[in-house]
Amino acid sequence: MSSAAQTTLRLSSPLEHVFPRLTPEQIARIAAHGRRRAVEPGEILLEPGDSPRIFVITAGSVETVKVAGEVEEIIVVHGVGSFTGEMSILSGRRGLARTRAKEAGEVIEVERPELMALVQTDSELSDILLRAFILRRLELIARGASDVVLLGSRHSAGTLRIKEFLTRNGHPISYIDLEKDAEAQEFLDRFHVTIDAARGLVTLSPK
């Protein structure tokens, strides 16, 4: 089965496993759990933090984009027969990327509850979707594509606990070792750091 996606990732697994092409029959079975909708070029379909869902492309193409501030990096372009999403859709966690229509077309939008029902009742689609989701998450971890940046010393027990927790839960992180990055340390030295654990916020204020 050939792939219907083009990616910038250097994959360690076969492309057709990470980004498989669904058959018309498989797409029809997924459509029973979702809704068809037209999309326009540049239309944002999903932002990081939105309610998790996947999109199966039936016409046109859709981009998965990593966003860091004002900088974007296209991770993969999904064509007809491809589908978006990775392991975060199953866990219910916020996604790591933006989903955007590259050109006019049509997608099948499947919300998480309907997707969970599908993978529990359709063994063939469950195998295809779960394998792709798992492999995509592993590729993101290997690439270091994440919305979490951990700054700390490798000699800090707190830093190691946070790093181990995120790794154990399969969440990609970008790690900056302050022992090796003097510029990052100098930057932090100029600020007071306030952590609001309940809201998940870190605030920097000038000293």
N, C-alpha and C. Protein backbone atom coordinates (compact mmCIF):
# COMPACT_ATOMS: atom_id res chain seq x y z
N MET A 1 0.86 -1.19 0.00
CA MET A 1 0.00 0.00 0.00
C MET A 1 0.89 1.24 0.00
N SER A 2 0.77 2.09 -1.01
CA SER A 2 1.60 3.28 -1.11
C SER A 2 1.08 4.38 -0.20
N SER A 3 1.95 5.34 0.08
CA SER A 3 1.56 6.42 0.96
C SER A 3 0.93 7.57 0.19
N ALA A 4 0.05 8.29 0.87
CA ALA A 4 -0.58 9.47 0.26
C ALA A 4 -0.10 10.72 0.96
N ALA A 5 1.10 10.67 1.56
CA ALA A 5 1.60 11.82 2.31
C ALA A 5 3.06 12.07 1.97
N GLN A 6 3.44 13.34 2.06
CA GLN A 6 4.83 13.75 1.90
C GLN A 6 5.28 14.40 3.19
N THR A 7 6.42 13.98 3.73
CA THR A 7 6.84 14.45 5.04
C THR A 7 8.29 14.93 5.04
N THR A 8 8.57 15.88 5.94
CA THR A 8 9.94 16.35 6.13
C THR A 8 10.67 15.53 7.19
N LEU A 9 9.93 14.62 7.87
CA LEU A 9 10.55 13.79 8.90
C LEU A 9 11.48 12.75 8.27
N ARG A 10 12.60 12.51 8.90
CA ARG A 10 13.48 11.42 8.50
C ARG A 10 13.02 10.18 9.25
N LEU A 11 12.24 9.37 8.58
CA LEU A 11 11.55 8.28 9.25
C LEU A 11 12.45 7.07 9.45
N SER A 12 12.29 6.45 10.62
CA SER A 12 13.00 5.19 10.88
C SER A 12 12.11 4.00 10.57
N SER A 13 10.82 4.25 10.34
CA SER A 13 9.86 3.21 9.97
C SER A 13 9.42 3.43 8.52
N PRO A 14 8.91 2.38 7.86
CA PRO A 14 8.45 2.54 6.47
C PRO A 14 7.39 3.63 6.35
N LEU A 15 7.50 4.45 5.31
CA LEU A 15 6.58 5.55 5.09
C LEU A 15 5.14 5.08 5.04
N GLU A 16 4.90 3.93 4.41
CA GLU A 16 3.53 3.44 4.26
C GLU A 16 2.93 2.97 5.59
N HIS A 17 3.77 2.76 6.61
CA HIS A 17 3.26 2.42 7.93
C HIS A 17 2.94 3.68 8.74
N VAL A 18 3.78 4.69 8.60
CA VAL A 18 3.59 5.93 9.35
C VAL A 18 2.47 6.77 8.73
N PHE A 19 2.42 6.81 7.40
CA PHE A 19 1.39 7.59 6.70
C PHE A 19 0.74 6.71 5.64
N PRO A 20 -0.09 5.76 6.06
CA PRO A 20 -0.70 4.83 5.11
C PRO A 20 -1.80 5.48 4.27
N ARG A 21 -2.09 4.86 3.14
CA ARG A 21 -3.20 5.30 2.29
C ARG A 21 -4.40 4.39 2.55
N LEU A 22 -5.51 4.96 2.94
CA LEU A 22 -6.73 4.19 3.15
C LEU A 22 -7.41 3.90 1.82
N THR A 23 -8.06 2.75 1.73
CA THR A 23 -8.81 2.39 0.53
C THR A 23 -10.18 3.08 0.56
N PRO A 24 -10.84 3.18 -0.60
CA PRO A 24 -12.20 3.77 -0.60
C PRO A 24 -13.15 3.06 0.36
N GLU A 25 -13.03 1.73 0.46
CA GLU A 25 -13.90 0.98 1.37
C GLU A 25 -13.63 1.35 2.83
N GLN A 26 -12.36 1.49 3.17
CA GLN A 26 -12.00 1.88 4.54
C GLN A 26 -12.46 3.31 4.85
N ILE A 27 -12.32 4.19 3.87
CA ILE A 27 -12.77 5.57 4.06
C ILE A 27 -14.27 5.62 4.27
N ALA A 28 -15.01 4.79 3.56
CA ALA A 28 -16.46 4.76 3.71
C ALA A 28 -16.86 4.33 5.12
N ARG A 29 -16.10 3.38 5.70
CA ARG A 29 -16.41 2.92 7.05
C ARG A 29 -16.10 4.02 8.07
N ILE A 30 -15.04 4.78 7.84
CA ILE A 30 -14.74 5.89 8.74
C ILE A 30 -15.79 6.99 8.61
N ALA A 31 -16.26 7.22 7.39
CA ALA A 31 -17.25 8.27 7.15
C ALA A 31 -18.53 8.05 7.96
N ALA A 32 -18.82 6.79 8.26
CA ALA A 32 -20.02 6.49 9.06
C ALA A 32 -19.88 7.00 10.49
N HIS A 33 -18.65 7.33 10.90
CA HIS A 33 -18.40 7.81 12.26
C HIS A 33 -18.07 9.31 12.29
N GLY A 34 -18.10 9.96 11.13
CA GLY A 34 -17.74 11.37 11.10
C GLY A 34 -18.65 12.16 10.18
N ARG A 35 -18.19 13.33 9.79
CA ARG A 35 -18.98 14.16 8.87
C ARG A 35 -18.08 14.71 7.78
N ARG A 36 -18.61 14.74 6.58
CA ARG A 36 -17.87 15.29 5.45
C ARG A 36 -18.02 16.82 5.46
N ARG A 37 -16.95 17.51 5.13
CA ARG A 37 -17.02 18.97 5.06
C ARG A 37 -16.03 19.47 4.02
N ALA A 38 -16.42 20.53 3.34
CA ALA A 38 -15.53 21.16 2.38
C ALA A 38 -14.54 22.05 3.13
N VAL A 39 -13.33 22.21 2.57
CA VAL A 39 -12.32 23.07 3.18
C VAL A 39 -11.78 24.01 2.10
N GLU A 40 -11.33 25.17 2.56
CA GLU A 40 -10.79 26.19 1.67
C GLU A 40 -9.28 26.33 1.88
N PRO A 41 -8.54 26.79 0.88
CA PRO A 41 -7.09 26.95 1.04
C PRO A 41 -6.74 27.84 2.23
N GLY A 42 -5.84 27.37 3.07
CA GLY A 42 -5.40 28.14 4.22
C GLY A 42 -6.31 28.04 5.43
N GLU A 43 -7.43 27.32 5.31
CA GLU A 43 -8.36 27.20 6.43
C GLU A 43 -7.74 26.40 7.57
N ILE A 44 -7.77 26.95 8.79
CA ILE A 44 -7.26 26.25 9.96
C ILE A 44 -8.31 25.25 10.43
N LEU A 45 -7.95 23.98 10.44
CA LEU A 45 -8.89 22.94 10.86
C LEU A 45 -8.73 22.59 12.33
N LEU A 46 -7.51 22.74 12.84
CA LEU A 46 -7.24 22.35 14.23
C LEU A 46 -6.01 23.10 14.72
N GLU A 47 -6.12 23.64 15.93
CA GLU A 47 -5.00 24.29 16.58
C GLU A 47 -4.56 23.46 17.78
N PRO A 48 -3.28 23.55 18.20
CA PRO A 48 -2.87 22.88 19.43
C PRO A 48 -3.75 23.35 20.58
N GLY A 49 -4.28 22.42 21.34
CA GLY A 49 -5.16 22.78 22.44
C GLY A 49 -6.63 22.63 22.13
N ASP A 50 -6.99 22.51 20.83
CA ASP A 50 -8.39 22.30 20.46
C ASP A 50 -8.85 20.90 20.85
N SER A 51 -10.15 20.71 20.89
CA SER A 51 -10.71 19.39 21.15
C SER A 51 -10.16 18.40 20.13
N PRO A 52 -9.58 17.26 20.58
CA PRO A 52 -8.89 16.35 19.65
C PRO A 52 -9.84 15.70 18.65
N ARG A 53 -9.37 15.61 17.41
CA ARG A 53 -10.13 14.97 16.34
C ARG A 53 -9.15 14.67 15.20
N ILE A 54 -9.59 13.86 14.25
CA ILE A 54 -8.76 13.58 13.08
C ILE A 54 -9.52 13.99 11.83
N PHE A 55 -8.77 14.11 10.73
CA PHE A 55 -9.35 14.43 9.44
C PHE A 55 -8.83 13.42 8.42
N VAL A 56 -9.74 12.81 7.69
CA VAL A 56 -9.39 11.92 6.58
C VAL A 56 -9.58 12.72 5.30
N ILE A 57 -8.55 12.77 4.47
CA ILE A 57 -8.61 13.62 3.27
C ILE A 57 -9.23 12.84 2.12
N THR A 58 -10.31 13.38 1.56
CA THR A 58 -10.98 12.74 0.43
C THR A 58 -10.80 13.54 -0.86
N ALA A 59 -10.38 14.81 -0.75
CA ALA A 59 -10.07 15.63 -1.92
C ALA A 59 -9.15 16.76 -1.46
N GLY A 60 -8.18 17.12 -2.32
CA GLY A 60 -7.24 18.18 -1.96
C GLY A 60 -6.12 17.67 -1.06
N SER A 61 -5.59 18.55 -0.22
CA SER A 61 -4.51 18.17 0.69
C SER A 61 -4.55 19.02 1.94
N VAL A 62 -3.99 18.48 3.01
CA VAL A 62 -4.00 19.11 4.33
C VAL A 62 -2.60 19.04 4.92
N GLU A 63 -2.16 20.15 5.54
CA GLU A 63 -0.83 20.22 6.14
C GLU A 63 -0.90 20.05 7.66
N THR A 64 0.08 19.34 8.20
CA THR A 64 0.32 19.33 9.64
C THR A 64 1.53 20.20 9.88
N VAL A 65 1.36 21.24 10.72
CA VAL A 65 2.37 22.28 10.85
C VAL A 65 2.80 22.42 12.31
N LYS A 66 4.10 22.37 12.56
CA LYS A 66 4.65 22.66 13.89
C LYS A 66 4.80 24.17 14.00
N VAL A 67 4.30 24.73 15.11
CA VAL A 67 4.33 26.18 15.31
C VAL A 67 5.17 26.52 16.52
N ALA A 68 6.12 27.43 16.35
CA ALA A 68 6.95 27.92 17.45
C ALA A 68 6.99 29.44 17.35
N GLY A 69 6.11 30.10 18.12
CA GLY A 69 6.01 31.55 18.01
C GLY A 69 5.45 31.94 16.66
N GLU A 70 6.22 32.72 15.91
CA GLU A 70 5.81 33.14 14.57
C GLU A 70 6.37 32.24 13.48
N VAL A 71 7.13 31.23 13.90
CA VAL A 71 7.80 30.35 12.94
C VAL A 71 6.99 29.07 12.74
N GLU A 72 6.79 28.69 11.49
CA GLU A 72 6.09 27.46 11.16
C GLU A 72 7.02 26.49 10.44
N GLU A 73 6.79 25.21 10.70
CA GLU A 73 7.52 24.16 9.99
C GLU A 73 6.51 23.10 9.56
N ILE A 74 6.41 22.87 8.27
CA ILE A 74 5.48 21.85 7.77
C ILE A 74 6.07 20.47 8.03
N ILE A 75 5.36 19.67 8.82
CA ILE A 75 5.83 18.32 9.16
C ILE A 75 5.42 17.33 8.08
N VAL A 76 4.17 17.43 7.62
CA VAL A 76 3.69 16.49 6.62
C VAL A 76 2.55 17.13 5.83
N VAL A 77 2.46 16.79 4.55
CA VAL A 77 1.33 17.17 3.71
C VAL A 77 0.54 15.90 3.41
N HIS A 78 -0.70 15.85 3.87
CA HIS A 78 -1.57 14.69 3.67
C HIS A 78 -2.36 14.84 2.38
N GLY A 79 -2.29 13.83 1.54
CA GLY A 79 -3.08 13.82 0.32
C GLY A 79 -4.29 12.92 0.47
N VAL A 80 -4.96 12.67 -0.64
CA VAL A 80 -6.18 11.86 -0.64
C VAL A 80 -5.88 10.45 -0.11
N GLY A 81 -6.68 10.01 0.84
CA GLY A 81 -6.51 8.70 1.44
C GLY A 81 -5.70 8.71 2.72
N SER A 82 -5.04 9.83 3.01
CA SER A 82 -4.26 9.95 4.24
C SER A 82 -5.15 10.51 5.35
N PHE A 83 -4.65 10.47 6.57
CA PHE A 83 -5.40 10.98 7.71
C PHE A 83 -4.45 11.63 8.71
N THR A 84 -4.96 12.60 9.44
CA THR A 84 -4.16 13.32 10.41
C THR A 84 -4.22 12.63 11.77
N GLY A 85 -3.40 13.15 12.73
CA GLY A 85 -3.48 12.67 14.10
C GLY A 85 -2.31 11.80 14.52
N GLU A 86 -2.09 11.75 15.83
CA GLU A 86 -1.11 10.84 16.44
C GLU A 86 -1.62 10.45 17.82
N MET A 87 -0.77 9.92 18.69
CA MET A 87 -1.24 9.30 19.92
C MET A 87 -2.03 10.23 20.83
N SER A 88 -1.83 11.53 20.73
CA SER A 88 -2.56 12.45 21.59
C SER A 88 -4.06 12.35 21.39
N ILE A 89 -4.51 11.95 20.19
CA ILE A 89 -5.93 11.82 19.92
C ILE A 89 -6.54 10.73 20.79
N LEU A 90 -5.79 9.67 21.08
CA LEU A 90 -6.30 8.57 21.88
C LEU A 90 -6.26 8.88 23.37
N SER A 91 -5.23 9.59 23.79
CA SER A 91 -5.10 9.93 25.21
C SER A 91 -5.97 11.12 25.60
N GLY A 92 -6.43 11.88 24.60
CA GLY A 92 -7.23 13.06 24.89
C GLY A 92 -6.40 14.28 25.22
N ARG A 93 -5.07 14.20 25.06
CA ARG A 93 -4.21 15.33 25.36
C ARG A 93 -4.24 16.34 24.21
N ARG A 94 -3.77 17.55 24.51
CA ARG A 94 -3.70 18.56 23.48
C ARG A 94 -2.69 18.13 22.42
N GLY A 95 -2.99 18.45 21.17
CA GLY A 95 -2.09 18.10 20.09
C GLY A 95 -0.85 18.97 20.08
N LEU A 96 0.10 18.60 19.23
CA LEU A 96 1.38 19.30 19.17
C LEU A 96 1.52 20.18 17.94
N ALA A 97 0.51 20.16 17.07
CA ALA A 97 0.68 20.85 15.79
C ALA A 97 -0.63 21.46 15.31
N ARG A 98 -0.51 22.31 14.30
CA ARG A 98 -1.66 22.93 13.64
C ARG A 98 -2.02 22.10 12.41
N THR A 99 -3.31 21.97 12.16
CA THR A 99 -3.79 21.29 10.96
C THR A 99 -4.46 22.33 10.07
N ARG A 100 -4.01 22.41 8.80
CA ARG A 100 -4.47 23.47 7.90
C ARG A 100 -4.66 22.92 6.49
N ALA A 101 -5.74 23.35 5.85
CA ALA A 101 -5.97 22.94 4.46
C ALA A 101 -4.96 23.63 3.56
N LYS A 102 -4.29 22.86 2.72
CA LYS A 102 -3.33 23.44 1.79
C LYS A 102 -4.02 23.94 0.53
N GLU A 103 -5.08 23.26 0.14
CA GLU A 103 -5.84 23.62 -1.06
C GLU A 103 -7.30 23.27 -0.85
N ALA A 104 -8.13 23.74 -1.73
CA ALA A 104 -9.56 23.44 -1.62
C ALA A 104 -9.78 21.94 -1.75
N GLY A 105 -10.70 21.42 -0.97
CA GLY A 105 -10.96 19.99 -1.04
C GLY A 105 -12.05 19.58 -0.07
N GLU A 106 -11.97 18.34 0.37
CA GLU A 106 -12.98 17.79 1.28
C GLU A 106 -12.29 16.86 2.28
N VAL A 107 -12.78 16.87 3.51
CA VAL A 107 -12.27 15.97 4.54
C VAL A 107 -13.43 15.33 5.26
N ILE A 108 -13.13 14.23 5.93
CA ILE A 108 -14.07 13.62 6.88
C ILE A 108 -13.54 13.95 8.27
N GLU A 109 -14.31 14.69 9.04
CA GLU A 109 -13.92 15.08 10.39
C GLU A 109 -14.48 14.08 11.39
N VAL A 110 -13.60 13.50 12.20
CA VAL A 110 -14.01 12.49 13.18
C VAL A 110 -13.59 12.95 14.57
N GLU A 111 -14.56 13.19 15.43
CA GLU A 111 -14.28 13.59 16.81
C GLU A 111 -13.75 12.39 17.60
N ARG A 112 -13.08 12.68 18.71
CA ARG A 112 -12.44 11.62 19.49
C ARG A 112 -13.42 10.53 19.96
N PRO A 113 -14.60 10.85 20.51
CA PRO A 113 -15.50 9.76 20.95
C PRO A 113 -15.87 8.81 19.82
N GLU A 114 -16.14 9.37 18.64
CA GLU A 114 -16.48 8.52 17.50
C GLU A 114 -15.28 7.69 17.04
N LEU A 115 -14.09 8.29 17.11
CA LEU A 115 -12.89 7.55 16.73
C LEU A 115 -12.65 6.38 17.69
N MET A 116 -12.85 6.62 18.98
CA MET A 116 -12.65 5.56 19.97
C MET A 116 -13.64 4.42 19.72
N ALA A 117 -14.87 4.76 19.37
CA ALA A 117 -15.85 3.72 19.06
C ALA A 117 -15.44 2.93 17.82
N LEU A 118 -14.88 3.63 16.84
CA LEU A 118 -14.45 2.97 15.60
C LEU A 118 -13.34 1.97 15.86
N VAL A 119 -12.29 2.37 16.60
CA VAL A 119 -11.15 1.47 16.81
C VAL A 119 -11.53 0.29 17.71
N GLN A 120 -12.61 0.40 18.46
CA GLN A 120 -13.05 -0.70 19.30
C GLN A 120 -13.91 -1.70 18.57
N THR A 121 -14.42 -1.32 17.39
CA THR A 121 -15.35 -2.19 16.68
C THR A 121 -14.85 -2.65 15.31
N ASP A 122 -13.83 -1.98 14.77
CA ASP A 122 -13.32 -2.32 13.44
C ASP A 122 -11.85 -2.70 13.58
N SER A 123 -11.57 -3.99 13.61
CA SER A 123 -10.21 -4.46 13.90
C SER A 123 -9.21 -4.06 12.80
N GLU A 124 -9.65 -4.07 11.55
CA GLU A 124 -8.73 -3.71 10.47
C GLU A 124 -8.32 -2.25 10.56
N LEU A 125 -9.29 -1.36 10.70
CA LEU A 125 -8.98 0.06 10.82
C LEU A 125 -8.24 0.36 12.12
N SER A 126 -8.58 -0.36 13.17
CA SER A 126 -7.88 -0.17 14.44
C SER A 126 -6.39 -0.44 14.28
N ASP A 127 -6.04 -1.51 13.59
CA ASP A 127 -4.63 -1.85 13.38
C ASP A 127 -3.92 -0.74 12.59
N ILE A 128 -4.56 -0.26 11.53
CA ILE A 128 -3.94 0.76 10.67
C ILE A 128 -3.77 2.07 11.42
N LEU A 129 -4.84 2.52 12.09
CA LEU A 129 -4.82 3.81 12.78
C LEU A 129 -3.87 3.79 13.97
N LEU A 130 -3.97 2.76 14.80
CA LEU A 130 -3.15 2.72 16.02
C LEU A 130 -1.67 2.61 15.68
N ARG A 131 -1.33 1.79 14.68
CA ARG A 131 0.08 1.68 14.29
C ARG A 131 0.60 3.03 13.80
N ALA A 132 -0.18 3.71 12.98
CA ALA A 132 0.25 5.02 12.47
C ALA A 132 0.39 6.03 13.60
N PHE A 133 -0.58 6.07 14.51
CA PHE A 133 -0.52 7.02 15.63
C PHE A 133 0.71 6.79 16.49
N ILE A 134 0.99 5.52 16.80
CA ILE A 134 2.14 5.19 17.65
C ILE A 134 3.45 5.55 16.95
N LEU A 135 3.57 5.19 15.68
CA LEU A 135 4.81 5.47 14.94
C LEU A 135 5.01 6.98 14.78
N ARG A 136 3.95 7.72 14.56
CA ARG A 136 4.08 9.18 14.43
C ARG A 136 4.56 9.80 15.74
N ARG A 137 4.03 9.33 16.86
CA ARG A 137 4.47 9.85 18.15
C ARG A 137 5.95 9.54 18.37
N LEU A 138 6.37 8.32 18.02
CA LEU A 138 7.77 7.95 18.18
C LEU A 138 8.68 8.81 17.30
N GLU A 139 8.22 9.10 16.08
CA GLU A 139 9.03 9.94 15.19
C GLU A 139 9.13 11.36 15.73
N LEU A 140 8.04 11.88 16.32
CA LEU A 140 8.07 13.22 16.90
C LEU A 140 9.03 13.27 18.09
N ILE A 141 9.01 12.21 18.91
CA ILE A 141 9.93 12.16 20.05
C ILE A 141 11.37 12.13 19.56
N ALA A 142 11.65 11.29 18.55
CA ALA A 142 13.01 11.19 18.03
C ALA A 142 13.47 12.51 17.42
N ARG A 143 12.52 13.25 16.85
CA ARG A 143 12.85 14.53 16.22
C ARG A 143 12.93 15.67 17.23
N GLY A 144 12.33 15.45 18.41
CA GLY A 144 12.31 16.50 19.42
C GLY A 144 11.27 17.56 19.14
N ALA A 145 10.25 17.22 18.33
CA ALA A 145 9.19 18.17 18.02
C ALA A 145 8.24 18.24 19.20
N SER A 146 8.18 19.39 19.87
CA SER A 146 7.38 19.50 21.08
C SER A 146 6.96 20.93 21.33
N ASP A 147 5.89 21.06 22.15
CA ASP A 147 5.48 22.37 22.62
C ASP A 147 6.01 22.62 24.03
N VAL A 148 6.86 21.72 24.52
CA VAL A 148 7.45 21.85 25.85
C VAL A 148 8.95 22.03 25.72
N VAL A 149 9.46 23.10 26.31
CA VAL A 149 10.90 23.33 26.37
C VAL A 149 11.32 23.25 27.83
N LEU A 150 12.18 22.31 28.16
CA LEU A 150 12.66 22.13 29.53
C LEU A 150 14.07 22.71 29.65
N LEU A 151 14.21 23.69 30.51
CA LEU A 151 15.51 24.29 30.77
C LEU A 151 15.95 23.90 32.17
N GLY A 152 17.14 23.40 32.30
CA GLY A 152 17.63 23.02 33.63
C GLY A 152 19.00 22.39 33.56
N SER A 153 19.55 22.17 34.71
CA SER A 153 20.87 21.55 34.81
C SER A 153 20.74 20.04 34.87
N ARG A 154 21.64 19.33 34.23
CA ARG A 154 21.63 17.87 34.30
C ARG A 154 21.98 17.38 35.70
N HIS A 155 22.47 18.29 36.56
CA HIS A 155 22.80 17.92 37.94
C HIS A 155 21.63 18.20 38.89
N SER A 156 20.53 18.74 38.34
CA SER A 156 19.37 19.07 39.17
C SER A 156 18.41 17.89 39.24
N ALA A 157 18.10 17.47 40.48
CA ALA A 157 17.16 16.35 40.66
C ALA A 157 15.78 16.72 40.14
N GLY A 158 15.38 17.99 40.31
CA GLY A 158 14.07 18.43 39.83
C GLY A 158 13.97 18.37 38.32
N THR A 159 15.03 18.80 37.64
CA THR A 159 15.04 18.73 36.18
C THR A 159 14.93 17.29 35.70
N LEU A 160 15.67 16.40 36.33
CA LEU A 160 15.66 14.99 35.93
C LEU A 160 14.29 14.36 36.17
N ARG A 161 13.62 14.74 37.28
CA ARG A 161 12.29 14.18 37.56
C ARG A 161 11.29 14.62 36.50
N ILE A 162 11.34 15.90 36.12
CA ILE A 162 10.42 16.40 35.09
C ILE A 162 10.69 15.73 33.75
N LYS A 163 11.98 15.62 33.40
CA LYS A 163 12.35 14.99 32.13
C LYS A 163 11.89 13.54 32.07
N GLU A 164 12.10 12.81 33.17
CA GLU A 164 11.71 11.40 33.21
C GLU A 164 10.19 11.26 33.16
N PHE A 165 9.46 12.17 33.83
CA PHE A 165 8.00 12.11 33.82
C PHE A 165 7.45 12.31 32.41
N LEU A 166 7.95 13.34 31.72
CA LEU A 166 7.47 13.62 30.37
C LEU A 166 7.83 12.50 29.40
N THR A 167 9.03 11.97 29.54
CA THR A 167 9.47 10.86 28.67
C THR A 167 8.64 9.62 28.92
N ARG A 168 8.38 9.32 30.19
CA ARG A 168 7.61 8.13 30.54
C ARG A 168 6.19 8.21 30.01
N ASN A 169 5.65 9.41 29.93
CA ASN A 169 4.29 9.61 29.43
C ASN A 169 4.25 9.86 27.93
N GLY A 170 5.39 9.68 27.27
CA GLY A 170 5.41 9.77 25.81
C GLY A 170 5.22 11.16 25.27
N HIS A 171 5.60 12.21 26.05
CA HIS A 171 5.43 13.58 25.57
C HIS A 171 6.78 14.10 25.09
N PRO A 172 6.87 14.46 23.80
CA PRO A 172 8.14 14.99 23.28
C PRO A 172 8.54 16.27 24.00
N ILE A 173 9.82 16.44 24.23
CA ILE A 173 10.31 17.67 24.86
C ILE A 173 11.56 18.15 24.13
N SER A 174 11.76 19.46 24.19
CA SER A 174 13.03 20.05 23.75
C SER A 174 13.78 20.42 25.02
N TYR A 175 14.97 19.86 25.21
CA TYR A 175 15.71 20.03 26.46
C TYR A 175 16.94 20.90 26.23
N ILE A 176 17.06 21.94 27.05
CA ILE A 176 18.24 22.81 27.02
C ILE A 176 18.99 22.63 28.33
N ASP A 177 20.21 22.11 28.25
CA ASP A 177 21.04 21.90 29.43
C ASP A 177 21.78 23.20 29.74
N LEU A 178 21.44 23.81 30.88
CA LEU A 178 22.05 25.09 31.23
C LEU A 178 23.54 24.97 31.53
N GLU A 179 24.01 23.74 31.77
CA GLU A 179 25.44 23.54 31.98
C GLU A 179 26.22 23.73 30.67
N LYS A 180 25.50 23.53 29.55
CA LYS A 180 26.17 23.60 28.25
C LYS A 180 25.78 24.84 27.46
N ASP A 181 24.66 25.46 27.82
CA ASP A 181 24.16 26.62 27.06
C ASP A 181 24.28 27.86 27.93
N ALA A 182 25.42 28.54 27.84
CA ALA A 182 25.67 29.72 28.66
C ALA A 182 24.72 30.86 28.34
N GLU A 183 24.33 30.98 27.06
CA GLU A 183 23.44 32.07 26.68
C GLU A 183 22.08 31.92 27.33
N ALA A 184 21.57 30.68 27.40
CA ALA A 184 20.28 30.45 28.04
C ALA A 184 20.36 30.78 29.53
N GLN A 185 21.46 30.41 30.16
CA GLN A 185 21.63 30.71 31.57
C GLN A 185 21.71 32.21 31.82
N GLU A 186 22.45 32.91 30.97
CA GLU A 186 22.55 34.36 31.11
C GLU A 186 21.19 35.03 30.93
N PHE A 187 20.39 34.49 30.01
CA PHE A 187 19.05 35.04 29.79
C PHE A 187 18.19 34.86 31.03
N LEU A 188 18.20 33.66 31.61
CA LEU A 188 17.38 33.39 32.79
C LEU A 188 17.83 34.21 33.98
N ASP A 189 19.13 34.47 34.08
CA ASP A 189 19.66 35.24 35.21
C ASP A 189 19.11 36.66 35.25
N ARG A 190 18.55 37.11 34.15
CA ARG A 190 18.02 38.48 34.08
C ARG A 190 16.57 38.57 34.54
N PHE A 191 15.98 37.42 34.91
CA PHE A 191 14.55 37.42 35.25
C PHE A 191 14.27 36.69 36.56
N HIS A 192 13.15 37.10 37.18
CA HIS A 192 12.55 36.31 38.26
C HIS A 192 11.59 35.32 37.60
N VAL A 193 11.63 34.07 38.04
CA VAL A 193 10.77 33.04 37.48
C VAL A 193 9.68 32.69 38.49
N THR A 194 8.42 32.82 38.08
CA THR A 194 7.28 32.47 38.92
C THR A 194 6.52 31.32 38.27
N ILE A 195 6.28 30.25 39.04
CA ILE A 195 5.60 29.07 38.50
C ILE A 195 4.23 28.92 39.16
N ASP A 196 3.19 28.87 38.33
CA ASP A 196 1.83 28.62 38.80
C ASP A 196 1.46 27.20 38.37
N ALA A 197 1.71 26.23 39.26
CA ALA A 197 1.51 24.83 38.91
C ALA A 197 0.05 24.51 38.60
N ALA A 198 -0.87 25.15 39.31
CA ALA A 198 -2.29 24.86 39.12
C ALA A 198 -2.76 25.23 37.72
N ARG A 199 -2.22 26.34 37.19
CA ARG A 199 -2.64 26.80 35.86
C ARG A 199 -1.65 26.41 34.77
N GLY A 200 -0.50 25.81 35.18
CA GLY A 200 0.49 25.40 34.19
C GLY A 200 1.18 26.56 33.53
N LEU A 201 1.39 27.66 34.28
CA LEU A 201 1.99 28.87 33.72
C LEU A 201 3.36 29.15 34.33
N VAL A 202 4.28 29.61 33.50
CA VAL A 202 5.58 30.08 33.95
C VAL A 202 5.71 31.53 33.53
N THR A 203 5.95 32.43 34.49
CA THR A 203 6.03 33.86 34.21
C THR A 203 7.44 34.36 34.46
N LEU A 204 7.96 35.14 33.51
CA LEU A 204 9.27 35.77 33.64
C LEU A 204 9.07 37.26 33.82
N SER A 205 9.69 37.82 34.87
CA SER A 205 9.63 39.27 35.08
C SER A 205 11.05 39.77 35.30
N PRO A 206 11.40 40.95 34.73
CA PRO A 206 12.76 41.46 34.85
C PRO A 206 13.16 41.66 36.32
N LYS A 207 14.42 41.38 36.62
CA LYS A 207 14.93 41.61 37.98
C LYS A 207 15.19 43.10 38.18
